[in-house]
Amino acid sequence: MRNHRLLAGILLLASAGFVACSDDDGTGLDDVTLADLAGSYSVQGFTYTSDADPNTSVNLISATNATLSVTLLSNGSFSGLLNAPSLTGTADDVPIAGTLTLTGNNTADVDFDAATNLLFSDLEISFQFSDPNFVWTANDVSFDFSLMNDPDNAEAADLIVVLVRTT
């Protein structure tokens, strides 16, 4: 009987520890909240690296002379402007929008609105935040390294997005 009580006590403590470590409140490993992340950012890097050849990578921002600014609200919605004529076919700023949802220990889902999906796919990311730097990492994405936006030429890649807070 004593062993059963000891085992029950251990299971109770273990389950309490699990609940204490769970992430139902949507905060990251460092207790990062959407309110902490809210602000305006300049995207400094949007770099794809080939899974097949780690020496092959493209930073879309520098490779296409693009600019991308994003504002993230404390409710997780974001909007921004992309200026990348070689990607978008226009010299005008192209609006992007979507939602960032914290899902666990420094992980999130980035869901782009339908019109934006023509440029970017929805992502499951892990992230690091050390104000002013907000760095996203997404594995198992696909990318056309010829920059022709041809899905038939897309290959497996990893993505790192570097955002720097401007306000």
Protein backbone atom coordinates (compact mmCIF):
# COMPACT_ATOMS: atom_id res chain seq x y z
CA MET A 1 0.00 0.00 0.00
CA ARG A 2 2.84 2.37 0.83
CA ASN A 3 4.37 1.79 -2.62
CA HIS A 4 1.05 2.65 -4.24
CA ARG A 5 0.85 5.94 -2.28
CA LEU A 6 4.46 6.74 -3.18
CA LEU A 7 3.80 6.00 -6.85
CA ALA A 8 0.60 8.08 -6.78
CA GLY A 9 2.52 10.95 -5.15
CA ILE A 10 5.26 10.77 -7.78
CA LEU A 11 2.67 10.73 -10.59
CA LEU A 12 0.85 13.69 -9.02
CA LEU A 13 4.08 15.71 -8.76
CA ALA A 14 5.09 14.77 -12.30
CA SER A 15 1.71 15.79 -13.71
CA ALA A 16 1.78 19.05 -11.74
CA GLY A 17 5.23 19.76 -13.16
CA PHE A 18 3.99 19.03 -16.66
CA VAL A 19 1.05 21.39 -16.26
CA ALA A 20 3.35 24.08 -14.86
CA CYS A 21 5.58 23.72 -17.93
CA SER A 22 2.77 23.62 -20.47
CA ASP A 23 2.22 26.59 -22.69
CA ASP A 24 -1.54 27.06 -22.75
CA ASP A 25 -1.19 30.81 -22.25
CA GLY A 26 0.69 31.26 -25.54
CA THR A 27 3.92 32.49 -24.05
CA GLY A 28 7.29 31.35 -25.29
CA LEU A 29 10.13 29.69 -23.43
CA ASP A 30 11.28 33.03 -22.10
CA ASP A 31 7.70 34.03 -21.27
CA VAL A 32 7.55 36.09 -24.44
CA THR A 33 4.01 37.30 -25.16
CA LEU A 34 2.44 38.90 -28.21
CA ALA A 35 2.47 42.18 -26.26
CA ASP A 36 6.27 41.86 -25.94
CA LEU A 37 6.60 41.28 -29.68
CA ALA A 38 4.21 44.05 -30.75
CA GLY A 39 5.86 46.82 -32.74
CA SER A 40 7.16 47.83 -36.13
CA TYR A 41 10.01 45.92 -37.74
CA SER A 42 12.29 46.22 -40.73
CA VAL A 43 13.04 42.84 -42.26
CA GLN A 44 16.80 42.59 -42.75
CA GLY A 45 16.94 39.01 -43.99
CA PHE A 46 14.63 36.49 -45.59
CA THR A 47 17.20 33.78 -46.25
CA TYR A 48 16.47 30.38 -47.76
CA THR A 49 19.14 27.67 -47.48
CA SER A 50 18.98 24.51 -49.57
CA ASP A 51 18.60 21.25 -47.66
CA ALA A 52 20.50 19.44 -50.44
CA ASP A 53 23.41 21.90 -50.50
CA PRO A 54 23.87 24.03 -47.36
CA ASN A 55 26.28 26.23 -49.35
CA THR A 56 23.38 27.37 -51.52
CA SER A 57 21.38 30.18 -49.93
CA VAL A 58 19.52 33.27 -51.05
CA ASN A 59 18.61 36.30 -48.96
CA LEU A 60 15.58 37.63 -50.85
CA ILE A 61 15.97 41.06 -49.31
CA SER A 62 19.51 41.68 -50.54
CA ALA A 63 19.30 39.52 -53.70
CA THR A 64 16.31 41.42 -55.04
CA ASN A 65 17.03 44.85 -53.50
CA ALA A 66 13.76 44.47 -51.65
CA THR A 67 12.42 46.23 -48.59
CA LEU A 68 9.91 44.72 -46.22
CA SER A 69 8.41 46.45 -43.21
CA VAL A 70 6.01 44.74 -40.81
CA THR A 71 3.90 45.96 -37.92
CA LEU A 72 2.78 43.33 -35.41
CA LEU A 73 -0.10 44.17 -33.09
CA SER A 74 -0.53 42.75 -29.59
CA ASN A 75 -3.46 40.61 -30.82
CA GLY A 76 -1.10 38.82 -33.26
CA SER A 77 -2.31 40.41 -36.48
CA PHE A 78 0.35 41.91 -38.70
CA SER A 79 0.52 44.02 -41.81
CA GLY A 80 3.33 45.35 -43.87
CA LEU A 81 4.65 46.60 -47.16
CA LEU A 82 6.92 44.72 -49.52
CA ASN A 83 8.78 46.54 -52.25
CA ALA A 84 10.45 43.96 -54.47
CA PRO A 85 9.84 44.69 -58.17
CA SER A 86 11.68 41.58 -59.35
CA LEU A 87 9.44 39.39 -57.19
CA THR A 88 6.13 41.22 -57.47
CA GLY A 89 6.34 42.63 -60.99
CA THR A 90 5.53 46.14 -59.80
CA ALA A 91 7.56 49.05 -58.41
CA ASP A 92 4.65 49.80 -56.07
CA ASP A 93 4.60 48.66 -52.46
CA VAL A 94 2.66 45.42 -52.11
CA PRO A 95 0.67 44.99 -48.90
CA ILE A 96 1.10 41.84 -46.84
CA ALA A 97 -0.98 40.80 -43.86
CA GLY A 98 -1.72 37.89 -41.60
CA THR A 99 -1.64 36.55 -38.08
CA LEU A 100 1.12 35.34 -35.79
CA THR A 101 -0.11 32.87 -33.16
CA LEU A 102 2.15 31.71 -30.34
CA THR A 103 1.87 27.93 -30.11
CA GLY A 104 4.43 26.85 -27.54
CA ASN A 105 7.93 27.31 -26.23
CA ASN A 106 9.23 29.95 -28.64
CA THR A 107 7.18 28.51 -31.48
CA ALA A 108 4.46 30.13 -33.53
CA ASP A 109 2.31 29.81 -36.62
CA VAL A 110 2.55 32.58 -39.20
CA ASP A 111 -0.60 32.60 -41.32
CA PHE A 112 -0.55 34.95 -44.29
CA ASP A 113 -3.81 36.32 -45.68
CA ALA A 114 -4.95 34.85 -48.99
CA ALA A 115 -3.58 37.64 -51.20
CA THR A 116 -0.23 37.53 -49.43
CA ASN A 117 -0.04 33.75 -49.91
CA LEU A 118 0.92 34.44 -53.51
CA LEU A 119 4.25 35.68 -52.14
CA PHE A 120 4.74 33.70 -48.92
CA SER A 121 3.44 30.41 -47.60
CA ASP A 122 2.07 29.89 -44.13
CA LEU A 123 4.85 28.88 -41.74
CA GLU A 124 5.41 26.98 -38.53
CA ILE A 125 8.35 28.75 -36.92
CA SER A 126 10.59 28.63 -33.94
CA PHE A 127 11.84 32.02 -32.87
CA GLN A 128 14.28 33.91 -30.70
CA PHE A 129 13.47 37.35 -29.38
CA SER A 130 16.04 39.66 -27.87
CA ASP A 131 14.78 43.19 -28.37
CA PRO A 132 15.27 44.66 -30.96
CA ASN A 133 15.96 41.39 -32.83
CA PHE A 134 13.19 38.92 -33.65
CA VAL A 135 14.51 35.91 -35.60
CA TRP A 136 12.27 33.26 -37.13
CA THR A 137 13.41 29.82 -38.27
CA ALA A 138 11.27 27.53 -40.42
CA ASN A 139 12.38 24.08 -41.54
CA ASP A 140 11.01 21.97 -44.36
CA VAL A 141 9.83 24.78 -46.60
CA SER A 142 10.29 24.84 -50.35
CA PHE A 143 11.92 27.50 -52.48
CA ASP A 144 12.82 28.03 -56.14
CA PHE A 145 16.49 29.09 -56.00
CA SER A 146 16.30 30.28 -59.64
CA LEU A 147 14.07 33.12 -58.33
CA MET A 148 11.55 32.39 -61.05
CA ASN A 149 8.81 31.50 -58.54
CA ASP A 150 8.25 28.22 -60.37
CA PRO A 151 6.83 25.52 -58.07
CA ASP A 152 8.24 22.84 -60.38
CA ASN A 153 11.77 24.10 -59.61
CA ALA A 154 11.20 24.39 -55.86
CA GLU A 155 13.37 22.32 -53.57
CA ALA A 156 13.46 21.61 -49.86
CA ALA A 157 14.96 24.44 -47.84
CA ASP A 158 15.17 26.07 -44.45
CA LEU A 159 14.24 29.70 -43.88
CA ILE A 160 15.61 32.30 -41.48
CA VAL A 161 13.84 35.65 -41.22
CA VAL A 162 15.61 38.48 -39.36
CA LEU A 163 13.39 41.33 -38.19
CA VAL A 164 14.75 44.38 -36.35
CA ARG A 165 12.37 46.50 -34.29
CA THR A 166 12.15 50.09 -35.48
CA THR A 167 9.55 51.31 -32.94
